[in-house]
């Protein structure tokens, strides 16, 4: 069965085999997200999934990486996921990594043995949208996973050697709650110690509740300078021991990358130069409501 659009995947999975286990997102309540609004959550038939694997294996037998879609394939219990992982191992002799989006709720539901079993079958990386470390902001955005739950999920996964790539949404608190967003996010990230960390900038998606709030004046977006200052403040407060950092998404005005803590001073200097107008930025992104 062809992939059901739209397809959402991390930039780093551009060359991976994109395999749909589920369609949509089981936690599709976030007011800022429009990714799956016209794609109700459902579990794909196992026969279709296996046929997709066979089809890809005939064309690309040397596939090394697989990304499980859609929004959170790990909503499935292990007895649904493990047969797929075994099939991937059998079909692709050079398979090195399977990854997936995940949320705190779904990982928290898995036992230590569940997580260890996923790792044994090469699911070694999960992408998690923390978005903000402020529980009040997440509550306003109607995100199902709680901050403590996501921190616990990242740490539990790490104990079973599953790495996490954590996503922060710069600007999610708007002008009113920017300080709260910064402070909460610093605290949560320092507790998580993720292997990978990426910043995206909030973009209001037409038709989403948050875009409606902005249209009514109930939510004020940060401008480019404020987004840069928020990024600066978060990085300044981080005490990470070994994290690969990226801020190179299409939504970001200033591409950044480095390893924390080694490159912290350099990242802050680049951001300070941009804030002071000494570094050119990408053109302003259209942010329609």
C-alpha atoms as a PDB file:
ATOM      1  CA  UNK A   1       0.000   0.000   0.000  1.00  0.00           C
ATOM      2  CA  UNK A   2       1.438   3.433  -0.895  1.00  0.00           C
ATOM      3  CA  UNK A   3       2.418   5.764   1.925  1.00  0.00           C
ATOM      4  CA  UNK A   4      -0.593   7.775   3.059  1.00  0.00           C
ATOM      5  CA  UNK A   5       0.211  11.483   2.905  1.00  0.00           C
ATOM      6  CA  UNK A   6       1.060  13.811   4.505  1.00  0.00           C
ATOM      7  CA  UNK A   7       4.376  12.362   5.627  1.00  0.00           C
ATOM      8  CA  UNK A   8       6.125  14.008   8.570  1.00  0.00           C
ATOM      9  CA  UNK A   9       9.644  12.916   9.423  1.00  0.00           C
ATOM     10  CA  UNK A  10      12.716  14.406  11.133  1.00  0.00           C
ATOM     11  CA  UNK A  11      15.249  16.030   8.767  1.00  0.00           C
ATOM     12  CA  UNK A  12      17.852  13.489   9.820  1.00  0.00           C
ATOM     13  CA  UNK A  13      15.674  10.660   8.476  1.00  0.00           C
ATOM     14  CA  UNK A  14      15.711  11.975   4.899  1.00  0.00           C
ATOM     15  CA  UNK A  15      17.504   8.869   3.596  1.00  0.00           C
ATOM     16  CA  UNK A  16      15.682   6.330   5.757  1.00  0.00           C
ATOM     17  CA  UNK A  17      13.029   3.847   4.677  1.00  0.00           C
ATOM     18  CA  UNK A  18       9.795   5.471   5.895  1.00  0.00           C
ATOM     19  CA  UNK A  19       7.539   2.675   7.114  1.00  0.00           C
ATOM     20  CA  UNK A  20       4.000   3.424   8.270  1.00  0.00           C
ATOM     21  CA  UNK A  21       2.801   1.310  11.188  1.00  0.00           C
ATOM     22  CA  UNK A  22       0.100   3.768  12.182  1.00  0.00           C
ATOM     23  CA  UNK A  23      -1.624   6.655  10.472  1.00  0.00           C
ATOM     24  CA  UNK A  24      -2.040  10.010  12.165  1.00  0.00           C
ATOM     25  CA  UNK A  25      -1.293  10.659  15.830  1.00  0.00           C
ATOM     26  CA  UNK A  26      -2.906   9.066  18.874  1.00  0.00           C
ATOM     27  CA  UNK A  27      -2.376  12.297  20.840  1.00  0.00           C
ATOM     28  CA  UNK A  28      -3.615  14.770  18.236  1.00  0.00           C
ATOM     29  CA  UNK A  29      -4.800  17.482  20.647  1.00  0.00           C
ATOM     30  CA  UNK A  30      -1.928  20.006  20.569  1.00  0.00           C
ATOM     31  CA  UNK A  31      -3.257  23.439  19.647  1.00  0.00           C
ATOM     32  CA  UNK A  32      -0.119  24.392  17.688  1.00  0.00           C
ATOM     33  CA  UNK A  33       0.033  21.263  15.493  1.00  0.00           C
ATOM     34  CA  UNK A  34      -1.776  20.824  12.197  1.00  0.00           C
ATOM     35  CA  UNK A  35       0.185  17.858  10.897  1.00  0.00           C
ATOM     36  CA  UNK A  36      -2.524  15.210  11.177  1.00  0.00           C
ATOM     37  CA  UNK A  37      -5.776  17.153  11.410  1.00  0.00           C
ATOM     38  CA  UNK A  38      -7.178  15.454   8.312  1.00  0.00           C
ATOM     39  CA  UNK A  39      -5.661  12.065   9.052  1.00  0.00           C
ATOM     40  CA  UNK A  40      -7.499  10.232  11.873  1.00  0.00           C
ATOM     41  CA  UNK A  41      -5.404   7.857  13.928  1.00  0.00           C
ATOM     42  CA  UNK A  42      -5.580   4.197  12.993  1.00  0.00           C
ATOM     43  CA  UNK A  43      -3.341   1.156  13.087  1.00  0.00           C
ATOM     44  CA  UNK A  44      -2.229  -0.127   9.710  1.00  0.00           C
ATOM     45  CA  UNK A  45      -3.029  -3.745   8.875  1.00  0.00           C
ATOM     46  CA  UNK A  46       0.038  -5.957   9.595  1.00  0.00           C
ATOM     47  CA  UNK A  47      -0.273  -7.582   6.190  1.00  0.00           C
ATOM     48  CA  UNK A  48       0.034  -4.173   4.526  1.00  0.00           C
ATOM     49  CA  UNK A  49       3.089  -3.333   6.658  1.00  0.00           C
ATOM     50  CA  UNK A  50       4.834  -6.590   5.755  1.00  0.00           C
ATOM     51  CA  UNK A  51       4.001  -6.090   2.073  1.00  0.00           C
ATOM     52  CA  UNK A  52       5.511  -2.596   2.263  1.00  0.00           C
ATOM     53  CA  UNK A  53       8.697  -4.076   3.724  1.00  0.00           C
ATOM     54  CA  UNK A  54       8.896  -6.750   1.029  1.00  0.00           C
ATOM     55  CA  UNK A  55       8.359  -4.176  -1.704  1.00  0.00           C
ATOM     56  CA  UNK A  56      11.116  -1.920  -0.356  1.00  0.00           C
ATOM     57  CA  UNK A  57      13.499  -4.839   0.205  1.00  0.00           C
ATOM     58  CA  UNK A  58      13.250  -5.867  -3.441  1.00  0.00           C
ATOM     59  CA  UNK A  59      14.281  -2.385  -4.553  1.00  0.00           C
ATOM     60  CA  UNK A  60      16.657  -1.380  -1.754  1.00  0.00           C
ATOM     61  CA  UNK A  61      18.113  -4.510  -0.132  1.00  0.00           C
ATOM     62  CA  UNK A  62      21.039  -2.542   1.365  1.00  0.00           C
ATOM     63  CA  UNK A  63      18.786  -0.301   3.466  1.00  0.00           C
ATOM     64  CA  UNK A  64      20.483   0.613   6.745  1.00  0.00           C
ATOM     65  CA  UNK A  65      17.971   2.875   8.483  1.00  0.00           C
ATOM     66  CA  UNK A  66      14.217   2.700   8.977  1.00  0.00           C
ATOM     67  CA  UNK A  67      11.907   5.340  10.439  1.00  0.00           C
ATOM     68  CA  UNK A  68       8.547   4.145  11.787  1.00  0.00           C
ATOM     69  CA  UNK A  69       5.608   6.450  11.093  1.00  0.00           C
ATOM     70  CA  UNK A  70       3.297   8.240  11.627  1.00  0.00           C
ATOM     71  CA  UNK A  71       3.139  10.489  14.662  1.00  0.00           C
ATOM     72  CA  UNK A  72       3.830   7.878  17.307  1.00  0.00           C
ATOM     73  CA  UNK A  73       4.171   4.287  16.178  1.00  0.00           C
ATOM     74  CA  UNK A  74       5.199   3.439  19.741  1.00  0.00           C
ATOM     75  CA  UNK A  75       1.572   3.812  20.742  1.00  0.00           C
ATOM     76  CA  UNK A  76       1.408   0.172  19.670  1.00  0.00           C
ATOM     77  CA  UNK A  77       2.188  -2.517  22.252  1.00  0.00           C
ATOM     78  CA  UNK A  78       5.352  -4.541  21.816  1.00  0.00           C
ATOM     79  CA  UNK A  79       3.477  -7.596  20.570  1.00  0.00           C
ATOM     80  CA  UNK A  80       2.527  -5.494  17.520  1.00  0.00           C
ATOM     81  CA  UNK A  81       5.913  -3.793  17.044  1.00  0.00           C
ATOM     82  CA  UNK A  82       8.391  -6.630  17.600  1.00  0.00           C
ATOM     83  CA  UNK A  83       7.164  -8.783  14.656  1.00  0.00           C
ATOM     84  CA  UNK A  84       7.726  -5.754  12.408  1.00  0.00           C
ATOM     85  CA  UNK A  85      11.224  -5.195  13.788  1.00  0.00           C
ATOM     86  CA  UNK A  86      12.070  -8.879  13.278  1.00  0.00           C
ATOM     87  CA  UNK A  87      10.789  -8.675   9.710  1.00  0.00           C
ATOM     88  CA  UNK A  88      13.001  -5.634   9.104  1.00  0.00           C
ATOM     89  CA  UNK A  89      16.035  -7.467  10.473  1.00  0.00           C
ATOM     90  CA  UNK A  90      15.338 -10.426   8.203  1.00  0.00           C
ATOM     91  CA  UNK A  91      14.697  -8.269   5.135  1.00  0.00           C
ATOM     92  CA  UNK A  92      17.643  -5.898   5.460  1.00  0.00           C
ATOM     93  CA  UNK A  93      20.927  -7.641   6.404  1.00  0.00           C
ATOM     94  CA  UNK A  94      22.709  -4.279   6.742  1.00  0.00           C
ATOM     95  CA  UNK A  95      20.073  -2.725   9.002  1.00  0.00           C
ATOM     96  CA  UNK A  96      21.780  -0.587  11.654  1.00  0.00           C
ATOM     97  CA  UNK A  97      19.018   1.521  13.201  1.00  0.00           C
ATOM     98  CA  UNK A  98      15.267   1.797  13.558  1.00  0.00           C
ATOM     99  CA  UNK A  99      13.802   5.017  14.935  1.00  0.00           C
ATOM    100  CA  UNK A 100      10.398   6.523  15.640  1.00  0.00           C
ATOM    101  CA  UNK A 101       8.589   9.515  17.023  1.00  0.00           C
ATOM    102  CA  UNK A 102       7.421   8.898  20.578  1.00  0.00           C
ATOM    103  CA  UNK A 103       5.676  10.692  23.376  1.00  0.00           C
ATOM    104  CA  UNK A 104       6.133  10.465  27.096  1.00  0.00           C
ATOM    105  CA  UNK A 105       2.840   8.700  27.661  1.00  0.00           C
ATOM    106  CA  UNK A 106       3.590   5.829  25.312  1.00  0.00           C
ATOM    107  CA  UNK A 107       7.113   5.220  26.598  1.00  0.00           C
ATOM    108  CA  UNK A 108       5.904   5.414  30.203  1.00  0.00           C
ATOM    109  CA  UNK A 109       3.442   2.612  29.479  1.00  0.00           C
ATOM    110  CA  UNK A 110       6.240   0.281  28.420  1.00  0.00           C
ATOM    111  CA  UNK A 111       8.022  -1.871  30.968  1.00  0.00           C
ATOM    112  CA  UNK A 112      11.786  -2.044  31.303  1.00  0.00           C
ATOM    113  CA  UNK A 113      11.698  -5.378  29.473  1.00  0.00           C
ATOM    114  CA  UNK A 114       9.604  -3.809  26.687  1.00  0.00           C
ATOM    115  CA  UNK A 115      12.234  -1.115  26.178  1.00  0.00           C
ATOM    116  CA  UNK A 116      15.080  -3.611  26.329  1.00  0.00           C
ATOM    117  CA  UNK A 117      13.301  -5.780  23.741  1.00  0.00           C
ATOM    118  CA  UNK A 118      12.892  -2.827  21.383  1.00  0.00           C
ATOM    119  CA  UNK A 119      16.599  -2.074  21.679  1.00  0.00           C
ATOM    120  CA  UNK A 120      17.563  -5.711  21.034  1.00  0.00           C
ATOM    121  CA  UNK A 121      15.700  -5.463  17.741  1.00  0.00           C
ATOM    122  CA  UNK A 122      17.527  -2.268  16.727  1.00  0.00           C
ATOM    123  CA  UNK A 123      15.013   0.404  17.728  1.00  0.00           C
ATOM    124  CA  UNK A 124      17.711   2.617  19.201  1.00  0.00           C
ATOM    125  CA  UNK A 125      16.467   6.186  18.728  1.00  0.00           C
ATOM    126  CA  UNK A 126      13.237   8.027  19.540  1.00  0.00           C
ATOM    127  CA  UNK A 127      12.293  11.595  18.680  1.00  0.00           C
ATOM    128  CA  UNK A 128      10.284  13.329  21.396  1.00  0.00           C
ATOM    129  CA  UNK A 129       8.619  16.713  21.272  1.00  0.00           C
ATOM    130  CA  UNK A 130       9.140  18.252  24.686  1.00  0.00           C
ATOM    131  CA  UNK A 131       8.074  21.573  23.105  1.00  0.00           C
ATOM    132  CA  UNK A 132       8.269  23.356  26.473  1.00  0.00           C
ATOM    133  CA  UNK A 133       9.428  22.461  29.963  1.00  0.00           C
ATOM    134  CA  UNK A 134       6.636  24.584  31.457  1.00  0.00           C
ATOM    135  CA  UNK A 135       3.677  22.423  32.423  1.00  0.00           C
ATOM    136  CA  UNK A 136       1.395  25.462  32.433  1.00  0.00           C
ATOM    137  CA  UNK A 137       2.272  26.203  28.791  1.00  0.00           C
ATOM    138  CA  UNK A 138       1.756  22.568  27.784  1.00  0.00           C
ATOM    139  CA  UNK A 139      -1.619  22.585  29.544  1.00  0.00           C
ATOM    140  CA  UNK A 140      -2.650  25.691  27.624  1.00  0.00           C
ATOM    141  CA  UNK A 141      -1.578  23.954  24.397  1.00  0.00           C
ATOM    142  CA  UNK A 142      -3.499  20.788  25.372  1.00  0.00           C
ATOM    143  CA  UNK A 143      -0.465  18.529  25.029  1.00  0.00           C
ATOM    144  CA  UNK A 144      -1.238  15.133  26.542  1.00  0.00           C
ATOM    145  CA  UNK A 145       2.252  14.185  27.771  1.00  0.00           C
ATOM    146  CA  UNK A 146       3.293  15.953  30.949  1.00  0.00           C
ATOM    147  CA  UNK A 147       6.758  17.395  31.553  1.00  0.00           C
ATOM    148  CA  UNK A 148       7.653  14.950  34.338  1.00  0.00           C
ATOM    149  CA  UNK A 149       6.389  12.083  32.224  1.00  0.00           C
ATOM    150  CA  UNK A 150       8.605  13.095  29.291  1.00  0.00           C
ATOM    151  CA  UNK A 151      11.665  13.560  31.518  1.00  0.00           C
ATOM    152  CA  UNK A 152      11.068  10.130  33.018  1.00  0.00           C
ATOM    153  CA  UNK A 153      10.555   8.592  29.570  1.00  0.00           C
ATOM    154  CA  UNK A 154      13.862   9.918  28.231  1.00  0.00           C
ATOM    155  CA  UNK A 155      15.735   8.703  31.289  1.00  0.00           C
ATOM    156  CA  UNK A 156      14.087   5.256  31.265  1.00  0.00           C
ATOM    157  CA  UNK A 157      14.850   4.840  27.566  1.00  0.00           C
ATOM    158  CA  UNK A 158      18.484   5.852  28.143  1.00  0.00           C
ATOM    159  CA  UNK A 159      18.872   3.155  30.804  1.00  0.00           C
ATOM    160  CA  UNK A 160      18.052   0.617  28.071  1.00  0.00           C
ATOM    161  CA  UNK A 161      20.456   2.306  25.615  1.00  0.00           C
ATOM    162  CA  UNK A 162      17.709   3.938  23.553  1.00  0.00           C
ATOM    163  CA  UNK A 163      18.841   7.447  22.658  1.00  0.00           C
ATOM    164  CA  UNK A 164      16.448  10.384  22.573  1.00  0.00           C
ATOM    165  CA  UNK A 165      16.334  13.345  20.229  1.00  0.00           C
ATOM    166  CA  UNK A 166      14.367  16.027  22.071  1.00  0.00           C
ATOM    167  CA  UNK A 167      12.604  18.852  20.267  1.00  0.00           C
ATOM    168  CA  UNK A 168      11.981  22.299  21.785  1.00  0.00           C
ATOM    169  CA  UNK A 169       9.574  24.751  20.180  1.00  0.00           C
ATOM    170  CA  UNK A 170      11.042  28.229  20.567  1.00  0.00           C
ATOM    171  CA  UNK A 171       8.322  30.831  21.006  1.00  0.00           C
ATOM    172  CA  UNK A 172       5.607  28.474  22.242  1.00  0.00           C
ATOM    173  CA  UNK A 173       4.944  30.615  25.304  1.00  0.00           C
ATOM    174  CA  UNK A 174       4.391  33.719  23.188  1.00  0.00           C
ATOM    175  CA  UNK A 175       5.344  37.113  24.546  1.00  0.00           C
ATOM    176  CA  UNK A 176       3.401  36.701  27.781  1.00  0.00           C
ATOM    177  CA  UNK A 177       4.976  33.448  28.934  1.00  0.00           C
ATOM    178  CA  UNK A 178       8.423  33.600  27.317  1.00  0.00           C
ATOM    179  CA  UNK A 179      10.291  33.718  30.629  1.00  0.00           C
ATOM    180  CA  UNK A 180       8.279  30.776  31.958  1.00  0.00           C
ATOM    181  CA  UNK A 181       8.985  28.840  28.747  1.00  0.00           C
ATOM    182  CA  UNK A 182      12.732  29.468  29.039  1.00  0.00           C
ATOM    183  CA  UNK A 183      13.055  28.598  32.706  1.00  0.00           C
ATOM    184  CA  UNK A 184      10.928  25.450  32.525  1.00  0.00           C
ATOM    185  CA  UNK A 185      12.680  24.213  29.403  1.00  0.00           C
ATOM    186  CA  UNK A 186      16.149  24.662  30.922  1.00  0.00           C
ATOM    187  CA  UNK A 187      15.101  22.650  33.977  1.00  0.00           C
ATOM    188  CA  UNK A 188      13.526  19.835  31.958  1.00  0.00           C
ATOM    189  CA  UNK A 189      16.450  19.490  29.534  1.00  0.00           C
ATOM    190  CA  UNK A 190      19.002  19.426  32.329  1.00  0.00           C
ATOM    191  CA  UNK A 191      17.011  16.606  33.937  1.00  0.00           C
ATOM    192  CA  UNK A 192      16.725  14.717  30.638  1.00  0.00           C
ATOM    193  CA  UNK A 193      20.324  14.962  29.424  1.00  0.00           C
ATOM    194  CA  UNK A 194      19.210  13.980  25.896  1.00  0.00           C
ATOM    195  CA  UNK A 195      21.711  12.611  23.386  1.00  0.00           C
ATOM    196  CA  UNK A 196      20.331  14.947  20.731  1.00  0.00           C
ATOM    197  CA  UNK A 197      18.581  18.291  21.042  1.00  0.00           C
ATOM    198  CA  UNK A 198      16.963  20.448  18.378  1.00  0.00           C
ATOM    199  CA  UNK A 199      15.262  23.831  18.410  1.00  0.00           C
ATOM    200  CA  UNK A 200      12.399  24.648  16.043  1.00  0.00           C
ATOM    201  CA  UNK A 201      10.730  28.046  15.888  1.00  0.00           C
ATOM    202  CA  UNK A 202       6.974  28.243  16.344  1.00  0.00           C
ATOM    203  CA  UNK A 203       5.086  28.821  13.121  1.00  0.00           C
ATOM    204  CA  UNK A 204       1.352  29.367  13.349  1.00  0.00           C
ATOM    205  CA  UNK A 205      -0.417  26.829  11.136  1.00  0.00           C
ATOM    206  CA  UNK A 206      -3.654  28.047   9.505  1.00  0.00           C
ATOM    207  CA  UNK A 207      -6.664  26.283  10.957  1.00  0.00           C
ATOM    208  CA  UNK A 208      -5.057  25.341  14.277  1.00  0.00           C
ATOM    209  CA  UNK A 209      -6.510  26.576  17.581  1.00  0.00           C
ATOM    210  CA  UNK A 210      -3.317  28.487  18.395  1.00  0.00           C
ATOM    211  CA  UNK A 211      -3.520  30.374  15.090  1.00  0.00           C
ATOM    212  CA  UNK A 212      -7.098  31.250  16.023  1.00  0.00           C
ATOM    213  CA  UNK A 213      -5.938  32.559  19.401  1.00  0.00           C
ATOM    214  CA  UNK A 214      -3.362  34.744  17.673  1.00  0.00           C
ATOM    215  CA  UNK A 215      -5.949  36.088  15.254  1.00  0.00           C
ATOM    216  CA  UNK A 216      -8.122  37.127  18.206  1.00  0.00           C
ATOM    217  CA  UNK A 217      -5.181  38.735  20.004  1.00  0.00           C
ATOM    218  CA  UNK A 218      -5.089  36.095  22.734  1.00  0.00           C
ATOM    219  CA  UNK A 219      -1.601  34.908  21.743  1.00  0.00           C
ATOM    220  CA  UNK A 220       1.263  37.166  20.631  1.00  0.00           C
ATOM    221  CA  UNK A 221       4.027  35.623  18.531  1.00  0.00           C
ATOM    222  CA  UNK A 222       7.642  36.433  19.206  1.00  0.00           C
ATOM    223  CA  UNK A 223       9.429  38.383  16.508  1.00  0.00           C
ATOM    224  CA  UNK A 224      12.777  37.256  15.081  1.00  0.00           C
ATOM    225  CA  UNK A 225      14.852  39.100  17.674  1.00  0.00           C
ATOM    226  CA  UNK A 226      12.778  37.684  20.537  1.00  0.00           C
ATOM    227  CA  UNK A 227      13.132  34.152  19.150  1.00  0.00           C
ATOM    228  CA  UNK A 228      16.908  34.561  19.068  1.00  0.00           C
ATOM    229  CA  UNK A 229      16.954  35.901  22.619  1.00  0.00           C
ATOM    230  CA  UNK A 230      14.856  32.975  23.814  1.00  0.00           C
ATOM    231  CA  UNK A 231      17.265  30.514  22.181  1.00  0.00           C
ATOM    232  CA  UNK A 232      20.198  32.341  23.786  1.00  0.00           C
ATOM    233  CA  UNK A 233      18.618  32.230  27.234  1.00  0.00           C
ATOM    234  CA  UNK A 234      17.865  28.505  27.046  1.00  0.00           C
ATOM    235  CA  UNK A 235      21.340  27.543  25.823  1.00  0.00           C
ATOM    236  CA  UNK A 236      22.932  29.792  28.452  1.00  0.00           C
ATOM    237  CA  UNK A 237      21.138  27.887  31.199  1.00  0.00           C
ATOM    238  CA  UNK A 238      21.846  24.378  29.961  1.00  0.00           C
ATOM    239  CA  UNK A 239      24.148  22.078  31.905  1.00  0.00           C
ATOM    240  CA  UNK A 240      24.308  19.166  29.504  1.00  0.00           C
ATOM    241  CA  UNK A 241      27.108  16.647  29.654  1.00  0.00           C
ATOM    242  CA  UNK A 242      27.129  15.201  26.130  1.00  0.00           C
ATOM    243  CA  UNK A 243      24.448  16.412  23.713  1.00  0.00           C
ATOM    244  CA  UNK A 244      24.558  17.004  19.980  1.00  0.00           C
ATOM    245  CA  UNK A 245      22.656  20.237  19.305  1.00  0.00           C
ATOM    246  CA  UNK A 246      20.990  21.369  16.086  1.00  0.00           C
ATOM    247  CA  UNK A 247      18.897  24.403  15.224  1.00  0.00           C
ATOM    248  CA  UNK A 248      18.820  24.057  11.461  1.00  0.00           C
ATOM    249  CA  UNK A 249      15.135  23.465  10.724  1.00  0.00           C
ATOM    250  CA  UNK A 250      13.484  25.498   7.959  1.00  0.00           C
ATOM    251  CA  UNK A 251      11.643  27.475  10.642  1.00  0.00           C
ATOM    252  CA  UNK A 252      14.845  28.799  12.201  1.00  0.00           C
ATOM    253  CA  UNK A 253      16.302  32.163  11.162  1.00  0.00           C
ATOM    254  CA  UNK A 254      19.830  31.288  12.272  1.00  0.00           C
ATOM    255  CA  UNK A 255      21.309  27.822  11.561  1.00  0.00           C
ATOM    256  CA  UNK A 256      23.231  26.488  14.550  1.00  0.00           C
ATOM    257  CA  UNK A 257      24.944  23.225  15.386  1.00  0.00           C
ATOM    258  CA  UNK A 258      27.430  22.002  17.921  1.00  0.00           C
ATOM    259  CA  UNK A 259      28.112  19.681  20.821  1.00  0.00           C
ATOM    260  CA  UNK A 260      27.212  20.709  24.351  1.00  0.00           C
ATOM    261  CA  UNK A 261      28.917  21.638  26.571  1.00  0.00           C
ATOM    262  CA  UNK A 262      32.031  21.881  24.372  1.00  0.00           C
ATOM    263  CA  UNK A 263      30.579  24.407  21.914  1.00  0.00           C
ATOM    264  CA  UNK A 264      28.325  26.323  24.299  1.00  0.00           C
ATOM    265  CA  UNK A 265      30.426  29.508  24.317  1.00  0.00           C
ATOM    266  CA  UNK A 266      30.657  29.509  20.511  1.00  0.00           C
ATOM    267  CA  UNK A 267      26.905  29.009  20.080  1.00  0.00           C
ATOM    268  CA  UNK A 268      26.188  31.848  22.490  1.00  0.00           C
ATOM    269  CA  UNK A 269      28.618  34.131  20.681  1.00  0.00           C
ATOM    270  CA  UNK A 270      26.996  33.426  17.309  1.00  0.00           C
ATOM    271  CA  UNK A 271      23.568  34.096  18.794  1.00  0.00           C
ATOM    272  CA  UNK A 272      24.804  37.305  20.449  1.00  0.00           C
ATOM    273  CA  UNK A 273      26.242  38.454  17.132  1.00  0.00           C
ATOM    274  CA  UNK A 274      22.891  37.812  15.436  1.00  0.00           C
ATOM    275  CA  UNK A 275      20.994  39.607  18.201  1.00  0.00           C
ATOM    276  CA  UNK A 276      23.341  42.579  17.825  1.00  0.00           C
ATOM    277  CA  UNK A 277      22.886  42.569  14.039  1.00  0.00           C
ATOM    278  CA  UNK A 278      26.414  41.409  13.206  1.00  0.00           C
ATOM    279  CA  UNK A 279      25.365  38.115  11.578  1.00  0.00           C
ATOM    280  CA  UNK A 280      22.965  37.923   8.610  1.00  0.00           C
ATOM    281  CA  UNK A 281      19.768  35.939   9.137  1.00  0.00           C
ATOM    282  CA  UNK A 282      17.647  33.906   6.774  1.00  0.00           C
ATOM    283  CA  UNK A 283      14.867  35.950   5.133  1.00  0.00           C
ATOM    284  CA  UNK A 284      11.757  36.453   7.239  1.00  0.00           C
ATOM    285  CA  UNK A 285       9.480  33.417   7.015  1.00  0.00           C
ATOM    286  CA  UNK A 286       5.870  33.992   6.028  1.00  0.00           C
ATOM    287  CA  UNK A 287       3.706  33.371   9.073  1.00  0.00           C
ATOM    288  CA  UNK A 288       0.145  33.481   7.878  1.00  0.00           C
ATOM    289  CA  UNK A 289      -2.881  32.778  10.040  1.00  0.00           C
END
